[in-house]
Protein backbone atom coordinates (compact mmCIF):
# COMPACT_ATOMS: atom_id res chain seq x y z
CA MET A 1 46.13 -17.99 72.71
CA GLY A 2 45.77 -14.23 73.25
CA ILE A 3 43.23 -12.77 75.65
CA LEU A 4 41.54 -10.74 72.89
CA SER A 5 41.23 -13.80 70.68
CA ASN A 6 39.71 -15.73 73.57
CA ILE A 7 37.21 -12.96 74.30
CA LYS A 8 36.24 -12.69 70.63
CA GLY A 9 35.79 -16.46 70.58
CA TYR A 10 33.30 -16.34 73.44
CA LEU A 11 31.45 -13.39 71.90
CA ASN A 12 31.12 -15.36 68.67
CA LEU A 13 30.07 -18.45 70.59
CA CYS A 14 27.27 -16.55 72.32
CA ARG A 15 26.24 -14.63 69.17
CA ILE A 16 26.18 -11.64 71.45
CA THR A 17 25.08 -9.18 68.77
CA ASN A 18 21.63 -10.78 68.56
CA LEU A 19 20.81 -9.71 72.12
CA PRO A 20 19.01 -6.48 71.11
CA THR A 21 16.33 -8.69 69.55
CA VAL A 22 15.78 -10.30 72.94
CA TRP A 23 15.65 -6.92 74.67
CA THR A 24 12.96 -5.58 72.33
CA ASN A 25 11.02 -8.86 72.60
CA VAL A 26 10.95 -8.36 76.37
CA ILE A 27 9.93 -4.70 76.01
CA CYS A 28 7.07 -5.71 73.73
CA ALA A 29 5.98 -8.53 76.01
CA TYR A 30 6.27 -6.37 79.14
CA ILE A 31 4.09 -3.60 77.75
CA LEU A 32 1.48 -5.92 76.25
CA GLY A 33 1.36 -7.93 79.46
CA ALA A 34 1.53 -5.19 82.08
CA GLY A 35 -0.12 -2.42 80.10
CA GLN A 36 2.73 0.00 80.75
CA PHE A 37 6.52 0.13 80.83
CA SER A 38 8.73 0.27 83.91
CA TRP A 39 12.52 0.06 83.87
CA LYS A 40 12.46 -1.45 87.34
CA GLY A 41 10.19 -4.28 86.26
CA TYR A 42 11.78 -4.71 82.83
CA LEU A 43 15.43 -5.24 83.74
CA LEU A 44 15.04 -8.54 85.58
CA PRO A 45 13.27 -10.51 82.79
CA ALA A 46 15.46 -8.81 80.17
CA LEU A 47 18.63 -9.96 81.92
CA SER A 48 17.29 -13.43 82.63
CA LEU A 49 16.16 -14.05 79.06
CA SER A 50 19.42 -12.63 77.70
CA LEU A 51 21.28 -15.22 79.79
CA PHE A 52 19.04 -17.98 78.44
CA TYR A 53 19.71 -16.80 74.88
CA VAL A 54 23.49 -16.81 75.12
CA ALA A 55 23.38 -20.12 77.02
CA GLY A 56 21.39 -21.61 74.19
CA MET A 57 23.89 -20.33 71.64
CA CYS A 58 26.76 -21.89 73.63
CA LEU A 59 24.98 -25.22 73.76
CA ASN A 60 24.17 -24.98 70.05
CA ASP A 61 27.84 -24.76 69.15
CA ILE A 62 28.70 -27.62 71.49
CA CYS A 63 26.13 -29.84 69.80
CA ASP A 64 27.27 -28.73 66.33
CA ALA A 65 31.01 -29.05 66.99
CA THR A 66 31.47 -32.23 64.91
CA HIS A 67 29.58 -30.77 61.95
CA ASP A 68 31.32 -27.40 62.26
CA ARG A 69 34.78 -28.99 62.08
CA ILE A 70 33.94 -29.78 58.46
CA ALA A 71 31.40 -27.16 57.40
CA ARG A 72 32.36 -24.16 59.57
CA PRO A 73 35.89 -24.66 60.91
CA SER A 74 36.16 -20.97 61.83
CA ARG A 75 33.53 -21.31 64.57
CA PRO A 76 34.94 -20.86 68.10
CA ILE A 77 35.08 -24.52 69.15
CA PRO A 78 36.55 -26.16 66.02
CA SER A 79 39.00 -23.26 65.61
CA GLY A 80 40.26 -23.82 69.15
CA ASN A 81 39.33 -20.35 70.43
CA VAL A 82 36.91 -21.92 72.95
CA SER A 83 37.18 -25.36 74.52
CA PRO A 84 34.13 -27.65 74.63
CA LYS A 85 34.44 -27.86 78.42
CA GLY A 86 34.61 -24.09 78.72
CA ALA A 87 31.54 -23.67 76.51
CA LEU A 88 29.59 -26.28 78.48
CA PHE A 89 30.51 -24.69 81.81
CA LEU A 90 29.41 -21.30 80.51
CA ALA A 91 26.10 -22.66 79.18
CA ILE A 92 25.21 -24.38 82.45
CA THR A 93 26.18 -21.32 84.48
CA LEU A 94 24.10 -18.99 82.32
CA PHE A 95 21.04 -21.24 82.39
CA ALA A 96 21.27 -21.50 86.18
CA ALA A 97 21.78 -17.74 86.65
CA GLY A 98 18.86 -16.89 84.38
CA ALA A 99 16.55 -19.26 86.24
CA ALA A 100 17.73 -17.99 89.63
CA LEU A 101 16.94 -14.41 88.62
CA LEU A 102 13.35 -15.32 87.83
CA LEU A 103 12.89 -16.63 91.34
CA SER A 104 13.07 -12.97 92.35
CA ALA A 105 10.33 -11.94 89.91
CA PRO A 106 6.94 -10.86 91.29
CA TYR A 107 5.27 -14.06 90.11
CA ARG A 108 6.65 -17.59 90.30
CA GLU A 109 4.77 -18.56 87.10
CA GLY A 110 7.58 -16.92 85.14
CA PHE A 111 10.10 -19.33 86.63
CA HIS A 112 7.91 -22.30 85.77
CA ALA A 113 7.58 -21.11 82.16
CA ALA A 114 11.35 -20.58 82.04
CA ILE A 115 11.92 -24.25 82.84
CA LEU A 116 9.85 -25.07 79.77
CA LEU A 117 11.86 -22.56 77.73
CA ILE A 118 15.15 -24.14 78.83
CA ALA A 119 13.81 -27.57 77.89
CA VAL A 120 12.82 -26.37 74.41
CA ILE A 121 16.21 -24.68 73.91
CA ILE A 122 18.02 -27.91 74.83
CA TRP A 123 15.68 -29.98 72.66
CA TYR A 124 16.36 -27.70 69.69
CA ASP A 125 20.12 -27.64 70.16
CA ILE A 126 20.39 -31.41 70.49
CA SER A 127 18.09 -32.34 67.61
CA HIS A 128 18.03 -29.53 65.05
CA LYS A 129 20.53 -31.09 62.61
CA ARG A 130 18.38 -34.17 62.13
CA ASN A 131 14.91 -32.82 62.89
CA PRO A 132 13.13 -31.28 59.86
CA PHE A 133 10.65 -29.61 62.21
CA SER A 134 13.31 -27.95 64.35
CA VAL A 135 12.34 -24.57 62.90
CA LEU A 136 9.20 -24.84 65.01
CA LEU A 137 11.30 -25.41 68.13
CA MET A 138 13.42 -22.34 67.43
CA ALA A 139 10.31 -20.25 66.86
CA SER A 140 8.80 -21.66 70.05
CA CYS A 141 11.76 -20.26 71.98
CA ARG A 142 10.88 -16.75 70.78
CA PHE A 143 7.23 -17.36 71.61
CA LEU A 144 8.20 -18.40 75.11
CA VAL A 145 10.24 -15.22 75.63
CA PHE A 146 6.90 -13.38 75.56
CA VAL A 147 5.25 -15.94 77.81
CA VAL A 148 8.03 -15.95 80.41
CA THR A 149 8.17 -12.16 80.53
CA SER A 150 4.44 -11.68 81.02
CA LEU A 151 4.08 -14.48 83.56
CA ALA A 152 7.07 -13.19 85.52
CA VAL A 153 5.74 -9.63 85.82
CA THR A 154 1.95 -10.16 85.88
CA GLY A 155 1.29 -13.85 86.46
CA THR A 156 -1.09 -13.86 83.48
CA LEU A 157 -1.16 -13.92 79.67
CA THR A 158 -3.24 -11.46 77.65
CA SER A 159 -4.69 -12.29 74.26
CA ILE A 160 -2.87 -9.43 72.56
CA LEU A 161 0.42 -10.66 74.00
CA LEU A 162 -0.18 -14.15 72.64
CA ILE A 163 -1.01 -12.68 69.23
CA ALA A 164 2.25 -10.71 69.24
CA ALA A 165 4.17 -13.81 70.31
CA GLY A 166 2.49 -15.73 67.49
CA ILE A 167 3.54 -13.10 64.95
CA GLN A 168 7.15 -13.41 66.09
CA PHE A 169 6.80 -17.21 65.96
CA VAL A 170 5.81 -17.05 62.28
CA TYR A 171 8.57 -14.56 61.50
CA VAL A 172 11.27 -16.71 63.12
CA VAL A 173 10.03 -19.74 61.18
CA CYS A 174 10.50 -17.67 58.01
CA ILE A 175 14.06 -16.73 59.06
CA SER A 176 14.89 -20.38 59.72
CA LEU A 177 13.50 -21.54 56.38
CA VAL A 178 15.42 -18.87 54.49
CA ALA A 179 18.60 -19.81 56.38
CA ARG A 180 18.03 -23.47 55.54
CA TYR A 181 17.57 -22.59 51.88
CA GLU A 182 20.79 -20.54 51.85
CA ASN A 183 22.72 -23.40 53.47
CA ASN A 184 21.53 -25.74 50.71
CA ARG A 185 22.66 -23.38 47.94
CA ALA A 186 25.96 -23.88 46.17
CA THR A 187 26.85 -20.29 47.02
CA PRO A 188 25.49 -18.02 49.78
CA PHE A 189 23.33 -14.99 49.04
CA THR A 190 25.24 -11.99 47.68
CA ILE A 191 23.84 -9.81 50.49
CA PRO A 192 23.64 -10.70 54.21
CA VAL A 193 19.97 -11.71 54.15
CA ILE A 194 19.88 -13.59 57.45
CA PRO A 195 21.58 -10.85 59.53
CA MET A 196 19.10 -8.38 58.03
CA MET A 197 16.17 -10.64 58.89
CA LEU A 198 17.50 -11.08 62.42
CA ALA A 199 17.54 -7.31 62.85
CA GLY A 200 13.95 -7.34 61.63
CA ILE A 201 12.88 -9.10 64.83
CA SER A 202 13.34 -5.86 66.75
CA LEU A 203 11.70 -3.82 64.03
CA LEU A 204 8.70 -6.14 64.17
CA ASP A 205 8.44 -5.55 67.93
CA GLY A 206 8.37 -1.82 67.26
CA ILE A 207 5.68 -2.19 64.61
CA ILE A 208 3.50 -4.28 66.93
CA LEU A 209 3.79 -1.71 69.73
CA THR A 210 3.13 1.10 67.25
CA VAL A 211 -0.13 -0.51 66.16
CA VAL A 212 -1.29 -1.53 69.64
CA VAL A 213 0.15 1.11 71.98
CA ASN A 214 1.95 4.20 70.65
CA PRO A 215 3.98 5.09 67.53
CA ILE A 216 6.86 6.23 69.75
CA TRP A 217 7.78 2.58 70.28
CA LEU A 218 8.70 2.28 66.62
CA LEU A 219 11.87 4.20 67.53
CA VAL A 220 12.76 1.46 70.01
CA GLY A 221 12.22 -1.15 67.32
CA PHE A 222 14.44 0.77 64.92
CA GLY A 223 17.05 1.17 67.64
CA GLY A 224 17.14 -2.56 68.32
CA ALA A 225 17.34 -3.32 64.60
CA ILE A 226 20.19 -0.86 64.08
CA LEU A 227 22.15 -2.25 67.04
CA THR A 228 21.68 -5.80 65.78
CA GLN A 229 22.56 -5.00 62.18
CA ALA A 230 25.62 -2.93 63.14
CA GLY A 231 26.90 -5.67 65.42
CA GLN A 232 26.69 -8.27 62.67
CA LYS A 233 29.73 -6.65 61.04
CA TYR A 234 31.85 -7.76 64.00
CA VAL A 235 30.11 -10.84 65.38
CA ARG A 236 27.76 -12.64 63.00
CA GLY A 237 24.60 -13.90 64.64
CA ASP A 238 23.69 -16.60 62.11
């Protein structure tokens, strides 16, 4: 197996092009929690939560490997581009690294919330194929991104932050329901609806910050959406 093929396999496994949606989630949560933005304070939770995201995607493919061999044989594990052991090692390493980073955050409450986030991610990955309410677990992961960020940098949760997290919760439920509907269709949608909706996560962050803080943040939301949408052409995030 070529090195480039192996690298592409891991990028697909991690759904790496969805990461801008995590970055803008953390920006939104940081500003609504701390009341201002600081690169120094932002980078640690952004990196930690990015590691949790890609770890969750790795574990998702491990849990779905049997199903994917029939329904999606081009996925990294059934296609042979990534071994199950390699994916599991990567997932464990990323979860551990993300949690370790939060131990360096100003407030230990962020680490405690991250343990809950990891538990919900694992619960979703293990059960989502047979759990009709798994869309709520996936949306809870996004909600907890806001919670972990704010608790890590301030030790508290503001009401406006929880409202923003709730808005993203509802939006992610909508994405999951649309994706479930498409999977049950005889043919997929003629346009890439789910990748477009995934990019909308960042745009929604920008809209929230525009309404609550300053219209300049809409540019950040657009930037995250453009990065996500552009990346879907190379590594699909659905």
